[in-house]
C-alpha atoms as a PDB file:
ATOM      1  CA  UNK A   1      86.499 114.395 104.391  1.00  0.00           C
ATOM      2  CA  UNK A   2      89.410 112.991 106.407  1.00  0.00           C
ATOM      3  CA  UNK A   3      87.705 109.617 106.454  1.00  0.00           C
ATOM      4  CA  UNK A   4      87.399 109.607 102.652  1.00  0.00           C
ATOM      5  CA  UNK A   5      91.080 110.535 102.274  1.00  0.00           C
ATOM      6  CA  UNK A   6      92.131 107.703 104.587  1.00  0.00           C
ATOM      7  CA  UNK A   7      90.026 105.252 102.591  1.00  0.00           C
ATOM      8  CA  UNK A   8      91.576 106.471  99.307  1.00  0.00           C
ATOM      9  CA  UNK A   9      95.104 106.032 100.749  1.00  0.00           C
ATOM     10  CA  UNK A  10      94.287 102.519 101.925  1.00  0.00           C
ATOM     11  CA  UNK A  11      92.967 101.594  98.470  1.00  0.00           C
ATOM     12  CA  UNK A  12      96.093 102.988  96.813  1.00  0.00           C
ATOM     13  CA  UNK A  13      98.328 100.945  99.151  1.00  0.00           C
ATOM     14  CA  UNK A  14      96.399  97.778  98.362  1.00  0.00           C
ATOM     15  CA  UNK A  15      96.597  98.478  94.636  1.00  0.00           C
ATOM     16  CA  UNK A  16     100.362  99.052  94.843  1.00  0.00           C
ATOM     17  CA  UNK A  17     100.845  95.806  96.783  1.00  0.00           C
ATOM     18  CA  UNK A  18      98.810  93.879  94.215  1.00  0.00           C
ATOM     19  CA  UNK A  19     100.932  95.295  91.377  1.00  0.00           C
ATOM     20  CA  UNK A  20     104.145  94.424  93.247  1.00  0.00           C
ATOM     21  CA  UNK A  21     103.042  90.841  93.851  1.00  0.00           C
ATOM     22  CA  UNK A  22     101.931  90.320  90.268  1.00  0.00           C
ATOM     23  CA  UNK A  23     105.260  91.744  89.086  1.00  0.00           C
ATOM     24  CA  UNK A  24     107.126  89.159  91.124  1.00  0.00           C
ATOM     25  CA  UNK A  25     105.084  86.371  89.605  1.00  0.00           C
ATOM     26  CA  UNK A  26     105.533  87.800  86.126  1.00  0.00           C
ATOM     27  CA  UNK A  27     109.310  87.837  86.493  1.00  0.00           C
ATOM     28  CA  UNK A  28     109.267  84.250  87.764  1.00  0.00           C
ATOM     29  CA  UNK A  29     110.170  85.250  91.302  1.00  0.00           C
ATOM     30  CA  UNK A  30     108.322  83.146  93.830  1.00  0.00           C
ATOM     31  CA  UNK A  31     107.338  84.805  97.053  1.00  0.00           C
ATOM     32  CA  UNK A  32     109.243  83.433 100.044  1.00  0.00           C
ATOM     33  CA  UNK A  33     107.339  80.569 101.606  1.00  0.00           C
ATOM     34  CA  UNK A  34     107.015  80.334 105.398  1.00  0.00           C
ATOM     35  CA  UNK A  35     109.001  77.576 107.079  1.00  0.00           C
ATOM     36  CA  UNK A  36     108.744  75.760 110.354  1.00  0.00           C
ATOM     37  CA  UNK A  37     110.478  77.798 113.042  1.00  0.00           C
ATOM     38  CA  UNK A  38     111.772  76.303 116.236  1.00  0.00           C
ATOM     39  CA  UNK A  39     111.391  79.049 118.863  1.00  0.00           C
ATOM     40  CA  UNK A  40     113.430  77.106 121.410  1.00  0.00           C
ATOM     41  CA  UNK A  41     116.428  76.626 119.122  1.00  0.00           C
ATOM     42  CA  UNK A  42     115.979  79.938 117.326  1.00  0.00           C
ATOM     43  CA  UNK A  43     116.352  78.396 113.872  1.00  0.00           C
ATOM     44  CA  UNK A  44     114.613  76.144 111.408  1.00  0.00           C
ATOM     45  CA  UNK A  45     113.698  72.827 112.993  1.00  0.00           C
ATOM     46  CA  UNK A  46     116.354  70.151 112.540  1.00  0.00           C
ATOM     47  CA  UNK A  47     113.978  67.272 113.307  1.00  0.00           C
ATOM     48  CA  UNK A  48     114.028  64.602 110.593  1.00  0.00           C
ATOM     49  CA  UNK A  49     111.071  62.767 112.167  1.00  0.00           C
ATOM     50  CA  UNK A  50     112.506  59.499 110.823  1.00  0.00           C
ATOM     51  CA  UNK A  51     115.466  57.212 111.448  1.00  0.00           C
ATOM     52  CA  UNK A  52     118.773  57.619 109.646  1.00  0.00           C
ATOM     53  CA  UNK A  53     117.915  54.569 107.548  1.00  0.00           C
ATOM     54  CA  UNK A  54     114.560  56.029 106.521  1.00  0.00           C
ATOM     55  CA  UNK A  55     116.233  59.349 105.713  1.00  0.00           C
ATOM     56  CA  UNK A  56     118.785  57.665 103.440  1.00  0.00           C
ATOM     57  CA  UNK A  57     116.043  55.837 101.558  1.00  0.00           C
ATOM     58  CA  UNK A  58     114.026  59.048 101.206  1.00  0.00           C
ATOM     59  CA  UNK A  59     116.918  60.716  99.328  1.00  0.00           C
ATOM     60  CA  UNK A  60     118.001  58.384  96.506  1.00  0.00           C
ATOM     61  CA  UNK A  61     119.373  61.452  94.748  1.00  0.00           C
ATOM     62  CA  UNK A  62     122.042  61.671  97.467  1.00  0.00           C
ATOM     63  CA  UNK A  63     122.507  58.239  98.997  1.00  0.00           C
ATOM     64  CA  UNK A  64     121.833  55.609  96.313  1.00  0.00           C
ATOM     65  CA  UNK A  65     125.336  54.101  96.561  1.00  0.00           C
ATOM     66  CA  UNK A  66     125.469  54.099 100.353  1.00  0.00           C
ATOM     67  CA  UNK A  67     121.961  52.660 100.652  1.00  0.00           C
ATOM     68  CA  UNK A  68     122.968  49.821  98.349  1.00  0.00           C
ATOM     69  CA  UNK A  69     126.119  49.283 100.425  1.00  0.00           C
ATOM     70  CA  UNK A  70     124.184  49.121 103.698  1.00  0.00           C
ATOM     71  CA  UNK A  71     121.938  46.409 102.275  1.00  0.00           C
ATOM     72  CA  UNK A  72     124.923  44.528 100.856  1.00  0.00           C
ATOM     73  CA  UNK A  73     126.687  44.566 104.251  1.00  0.00           C
ATOM     74  CA  UNK A  74     123.481  43.710 106.145  1.00  0.00           C
ATOM     75  CA  UNK A  75     123.667  46.802 108.341  1.00  0.00           C
ATOM     76  CA  UNK A  76     120.120  48.154 108.049  1.00  0.00           C
ATOM     77  CA  UNK A  77     119.479  47.860 111.800  1.00  0.00           C
ATOM     78  CA  UNK A  78     122.621  49.863 112.621  1.00  0.00           C
ATOM     79  CA  UNK A  79     121.002  52.926 111.045  1.00  0.00           C
ATOM     80  CA  UNK A  80     117.943  52.726 113.290  1.00  0.00           C
ATOM     81  CA  UNK A  81     119.760  53.091 116.623  1.00  0.00           C
ATOM     82  CA  UNK A  82     119.608  55.767 119.308  1.00  0.00           C
ATOM     83  CA  UNK A  83     122.734  57.348 120.811  1.00  0.00           C
ATOM     84  CA  UNK A  84     124.699  57.358 117.556  1.00  0.00           C
ATOM     85  CA  UNK A  85     126.184  59.922 115.186  1.00  0.00           C
ATOM     86  CA  UNK A  86     125.789  58.977 111.533  1.00  0.00           C
ATOM     87  CA  UNK A  87     128.192  60.352 108.941  1.00  0.00           C
ATOM     88  CA  UNK A  88     126.210  59.692 105.783  1.00  0.00           C
ATOM     89  CA  UNK A  89     128.216  59.683 102.559  1.00  0.00           C
ATOM     90  CA  UNK A  90     126.660  61.314  99.526  1.00  0.00           C
ATOM     91  CA  UNK A  91     127.212  59.609  96.179  1.00  0.00           C
ATOM     92  CA  UNK A  92     129.959  62.122  95.345  1.00  0.00           C
ATOM     93  CA  UNK A  93     132.119  60.619  98.102  1.00  0.00           C
ATOM     94  CA  UNK A  94     132.142  57.348  96.169  1.00  0.00           C
ATOM     95  CA  UNK A  95     132.003  58.124  92.463  1.00  0.00           C
ATOM     96  CA  UNK A  96     133.413  61.598  91.841  1.00  0.00           C
ATOM     97  CA  UNK A  97     136.008  61.572  89.056  1.00  0.00           C
ATOM     98  CA  UNK A  98     137.484  64.936  90.029  1.00  0.00           C
ATOM     99  CA  UNK A  99     141.101  64.278  90.918  1.00  0.00           C
ATOM    100  CA  UNK A 100     141.120  66.539  93.989  1.00  0.00           C
ATOM    101  CA  UNK A 101     138.097  64.760  95.496  1.00  0.00           C
ATOM    102  CA  UNK A 102     139.914  61.416  95.976  1.00  0.00           C
ATOM    103  CA  UNK A 103     136.616  59.552  95.834  1.00  0.00           C
ATOM    104  CA  UNK A 104     136.461  56.041  97.267  1.00  0.00           C
ATOM    105  CA  UNK A 105     136.043  54.300  93.912  1.00  0.00           C
ATOM    106  CA  UNK A 106     138.964  56.192  92.369  1.00  0.00           C
ATOM    107  CA  UNK A 107     141.305  55.457  95.285  1.00  0.00           C
ATOM    108  CA  UNK A 108     140.275  51.803  95.694  1.00  0.00           C
ATOM    109  CA  UNK A 109     140.546  50.495  92.152  1.00  0.00           C
ATOM    110  CA  UNK A 110     140.044  46.775  91.551  1.00  0.00           C
ATOM    111  CA  UNK A 111     142.161  44.454  89.391  1.00  0.00           C
ATOM    112  CA  UNK A 112     140.600  43.101  86.241  1.00  0.00           C
ATOM    113  CA  UNK A 113     140.128  39.347  86.882  1.00  0.00           C
ATOM    114  CA  UNK A 114     140.641  38.683  83.173  1.00  0.00           C
ATOM    115  CA  UNK A 115     143.753  40.802  82.813  1.00  0.00           C
ATOM    116  CA  UNK A 116     146.137  41.314  85.738  1.00  0.00           C
ATOM    117  CA  UNK A 117     147.761  44.280  83.980  1.00  0.00           C
ATOM    118  CA  UNK A 118     144.528  46.321  84.094  1.00  0.00           C
ATOM    119  CA  UNK A 119     142.389  47.837  86.810  1.00  0.00           C
ATOM    120  CA  UNK A 120     138.654  48.434  87.050  1.00  0.00           C
ATOM    121  CA  UNK A 121     136.923  51.582  88.268  1.00  0.00           C
ATOM    122  CA  UNK A 122     134.171  50.236  90.555  1.00  0.00           C
ATOM    123  CA  UNK A 123     130.590  51.342  90.052  1.00  0.00           C
ATOM    124  CA  UNK A 124     129.053  49.874  93.189  1.00  0.00           C
ATOM    125  CA  UNK A 125     130.069  48.904  96.717  1.00  0.00           C
ATOM    126  CA  UNK A 126     129.033  45.315  96.045  1.00  0.00           C
ATOM    127  CA  UNK A 127     132.141  44.987  93.851  1.00  0.00           C
ATOM    128  CA  UNK A 128     134.217  44.912  97.063  1.00  0.00           C
ATOM    129  CA  UNK A 129     134.274  42.142  99.695  1.00  0.00           C
ATOM    130  CA  UNK A 130     131.304  42.478 102.059  1.00  0.00           C
ATOM    131  CA  UNK A 131     133.588  42.646 105.126  1.00  0.00           C
ATOM    132  CA  UNK A 132     135.454  45.604 103.626  1.00  0.00           C
ATOM    133  CA  UNK A 133     132.209  47.477 102.978  1.00  0.00           C
ATOM    134  CA  UNK A 134     130.942  46.673 106.459  1.00  0.00           C
ATOM    135  CA  UNK A 135     134.064  48.089 108.107  1.00  0.00           C
ATOM    136  CA  UNK A 136     133.932  51.199 105.913  1.00  0.00           C
ATOM    137  CA  UNK A 137     130.327  51.922 106.890  1.00  0.00           C
ATOM    138  CA  UNK A 138     130.800  51.136 110.583  1.00  0.00           C
ATOM    139  CA  UNK A 139     133.727  53.537 110.692  1.00  0.00           C
ATOM    140  CA  UNK A 140     131.322  56.297 109.651  1.00  0.00           C
ATOM    141  CA  UNK A 141     129.075  55.753 112.692  1.00  0.00           C
ATOM    142  CA  UNK A 142     130.370  57.312 115.905  1.00  0.00           C
ATOM    143  CA  UNK A 143     129.238  56.131 119.322  1.00  0.00           C
ATOM    144  CA  UNK A 144     127.274  58.798 121.180  1.00  0.00           C
ATOM    145  CA  UNK A 145     125.500  61.890 119.920  1.00  0.00           C
ATOM    146  CA  UNK A 146     127.864  64.613 118.710  1.00  0.00           C
ATOM    147  CA  UNK A 147     126.782  67.860 117.126  1.00  0.00           C
ATOM    148  CA  UNK A 148     127.178  71.654 117.281  1.00  0.00           C
ATOM    149  CA  UNK A 149     126.000  71.892 120.871  1.00  0.00           C
ATOM    150  CA  UNK A 150     128.602  69.570 122.428  1.00  0.00           C
ATOM    151  CA  UNK A 151     131.606  69.263 120.092  1.00  0.00           C
ATOM    152  CA  UNK A 152     134.799  71.018 121.257  1.00  0.00           C
ATOM    153  CA  UNK A 153     136.732  73.606 119.271  1.00  0.00           C
ATOM    154  CA  UNK A 154     139.840  71.386 119.015  1.00  0.00           C
ATOM    155  CA  UNK A 155     140.239  68.033 117.200  1.00  0.00           C
ATOM    156  CA  UNK A 156     139.083  65.203 119.468  1.00  0.00           C
ATOM    157  CA  UNK A 157     138.973  61.439 118.874  1.00  0.00           C
ATOM    158  CA  UNK A 158     135.695  59.541 119.167  1.00  0.00           C
ATOM    159  CA  UNK A 159     135.013  55.802 119.073  1.00  0.00           C
ATOM    160  CA  UNK A 160     133.205  54.311 116.091  1.00  0.00           C
ATOM    161  CA  UNK A 161     131.507  50.943 115.603  1.00  0.00           C
ATOM    162  CA  UNK A 162     134.276  49.623 113.346  1.00  0.00           C
ATOM    163  CA  UNK A 163     136.724  47.041 114.676  1.00  0.00           C
ATOM    164  CA  UNK A 164     140.410  47.539 115.598  1.00  0.00           C
ATOM    165  CA  UNK A 165     141.798  49.926 118.162  1.00  0.00           C
ATOM    166  CA  UNK A 166     142.457  52.584 115.502  1.00  0.00           C
ATOM    167  CA  UNK A 167     138.784  52.830 114.525  1.00  0.00           C
ATOM    168  CA  UNK A 168     138.465  56.341 115.909  1.00  0.00           C
ATOM    169  CA  UNK A 169     137.286  59.438 114.132  1.00  0.00           C
ATOM    170  CA  UNK A 170     138.273  63.032 114.789  1.00  0.00           C
ATOM    171  CA  UNK A 171     135.555  65.686 115.043  1.00  0.00           C
ATOM    172  CA  UNK A 172     135.514  69.284 116.195  1.00  0.00           C
ATOM    173  CA  UNK A 173     133.680  72.536 115.582  1.00  0.00           C
ATOM    174  CA  UNK A 174     135.827  74.812 113.438  1.00  0.00           C
ATOM    175  CA  UNK A 175     134.964  78.360 114.502  1.00  0.00           C
ATOM    176  CA  UNK A 176     135.987  80.615 111.627  1.00  0.00           C
ATOM    177  CA  UNK A 177     134.095  82.889 109.246  1.00  0.00           C
ATOM    178  CA  UNK A 178     132.069  79.886 108.107  1.00  0.00           C
ATOM    179  CA  UNK A 179     131.875  77.615 111.171  1.00  0.00           C
ATOM    180  CA  UNK A 180     131.271  73.952 110.514  1.00  0.00           C
ATOM    181  CA  UNK A 181     132.021  70.509 111.904  1.00  0.00           C
ATOM    182  CA  UNK A 182     135.380  69.279 110.624  1.00  0.00           C
ATOM    183  CA  UNK A 183     136.398  65.619 110.378  1.00  0.00           C
ATOM    184  CA  UNK A 184     139.715  63.738 110.489  1.00  0.00           C
ATOM    185  CA  UNK A 185     141.805  66.860 110.155  1.00  0.00           C
ATOM    186  CA  UNK A 186     145.054  65.156 111.145  1.00  0.00           C
ATOM    187  CA  UNK A 187     148.455  65.090 109.499  1.00  0.00           C
ATOM    188  CA  UNK A 188     148.719  62.215 107.044  1.00  0.00           C
ATOM    189  CA  UNK A 189     145.022  61.903 106.249  1.00  0.00           C
ATOM    190  CA  UNK A 190     144.439  61.651 102.500  1.00  0.00           C
ATOM    191  CA  UNK A 191     142.423  64.889 102.558  1.00  0.00           C
ATOM    192  CA  UNK A 192     142.491  67.624 105.186  1.00  0.00           C
ATOM    193  CA  UNK A 193     139.696  69.900 106.367  1.00  0.00           C
ATOM    194  CA  UNK A 194     136.738  67.711 105.465  1.00  0.00           C
ATOM    195  CA  UNK A 195     133.584  69.621 106.361  1.00  0.00           C
ATOM    196  CA  UNK A 196     129.998  68.483 106.370  1.00  0.00           C
ATOM    197  CA  UNK A 197     127.633  69.370 103.555  1.00  0.00           C
ATOM    198  CA  UNK A 198     124.720  69.348 106.036  1.00  0.00           C
ATOM    199  CA  UNK A 199     124.896  69.000 109.823  1.00  0.00           C
ATOM    200  CA  UNK A 200     122.798  68.750 112.969  1.00  0.00           C
ATOM    201  CA  UNK A 201     119.940  66.642 111.600  1.00  0.00           C
ATOM    202  CA  UNK A 202     118.200  64.890 114.488  1.00  0.00           C
ATOM    203  CA  UNK A 203     116.566  61.509 113.947  1.00  0.00           C
ATOM    204  CA  UNK A 204     113.305  60.343 115.470  1.00  0.00           C
ATOM    205  CA  UNK A 205     115.187  58.307 118.095  1.00  0.00           C
ATOM    206  CA  UNK A 206     117.572  61.075 119.143  1.00  0.00           C
ATOM    207  CA  UNK A 207     120.649  60.276 117.054  1.00  0.00           C
ATOM    208  CA  UNK A 208     122.332  62.860 114.826  1.00  0.00           C
ATOM    209  CA  UNK A 209     123.121  62.881 111.112  1.00  0.00           C
ATOM    210  CA  UNK A 210     125.866  64.791 109.299  1.00  0.00           C
ATOM    211  CA  UNK A 211     126.073  64.533 105.508  1.00  0.00           C
ATOM    212  CA  UNK A 212     129.523  64.468 103.884  1.00  0.00           C
ATOM    213  CA  UNK A 213     130.809  64.493 100.318  1.00  0.00           C
ATOM    214  CA  UNK A 214     134.132  62.865 101.252  1.00  0.00           C
ATOM    215  CA  UNK A 215     134.802  59.494 102.852  1.00  0.00           C
ATOM    216  CA  UNK A 216     137.219  59.179 105.752  1.00  0.00           C
ATOM    217  CA  UNK A 217     140.199  56.935 106.285  1.00  0.00           C
ATOM    218  CA  UNK A 218     141.086  55.709 109.766  1.00  0.00           C
ATOM    219  CA  UNK A 219     144.321  56.811 111.459  1.00  0.00           C
ATOM    220  CA  UNK A 220     147.335  54.696 112.260  1.00  0.00           C
ATOM    221  CA  UNK A 221     148.563  54.120 115.794  1.00  0.00           C
ATOM    222  CA  UNK A 222     151.240  56.770 115.267  1.00  0.00           C
ATOM    223  CA  UNK A 223     148.690  59.312 114.045  1.00  0.00           C
ATOM    224  CA  UNK A 224     146.449  58.652 117.045  1.00  0.00           C
ATOM    225  CA  UNK A 225     149.326  59.588 119.340  1.00  0.00           C
END
């Protein structure tokens, strides 16, 4: 008799579970899908399994403008390197029209060649001189690999691949309620407290990628001091 009761209870549990699962599907609620878990890091794997250049091309929804700019400046090989930290700029960093975003296109307007009294809102990086685009992109590549595991908790300057002795970028790990990597948080920068949209993405050759929705301006000599 006890055996029969146990079997009946097991059948009732299975029936209840089936009803619960069908209810989720009926309401349009997808069951949570399993994801790759990195038992060494204790979190979802951050391995891109591709270079930074391949990653940019795989996400045209995010990096269409920057990808076009890299080709225009002839910098494709720079995004395939080891021992680098890539600050990839999402399209919003270039073309946002929200005043508080200070997007690159809105802050670097071009004169109308047919009318010197007017300006043009750029739509593409190839509207600027190639050398200007090259320096902009190189400034967003730091030398060395910098991420959550080795960045300090105070603003620190790091060398980039751009020219000039002021081509340094500030990075640190802001440890507050919502910790994140913070960039160029120095007095006089056009926008303070720039945080990454996505961080700690590791490329196939050991470099790191951080995705931003704001571009960064380099400091002056006075600001570096």
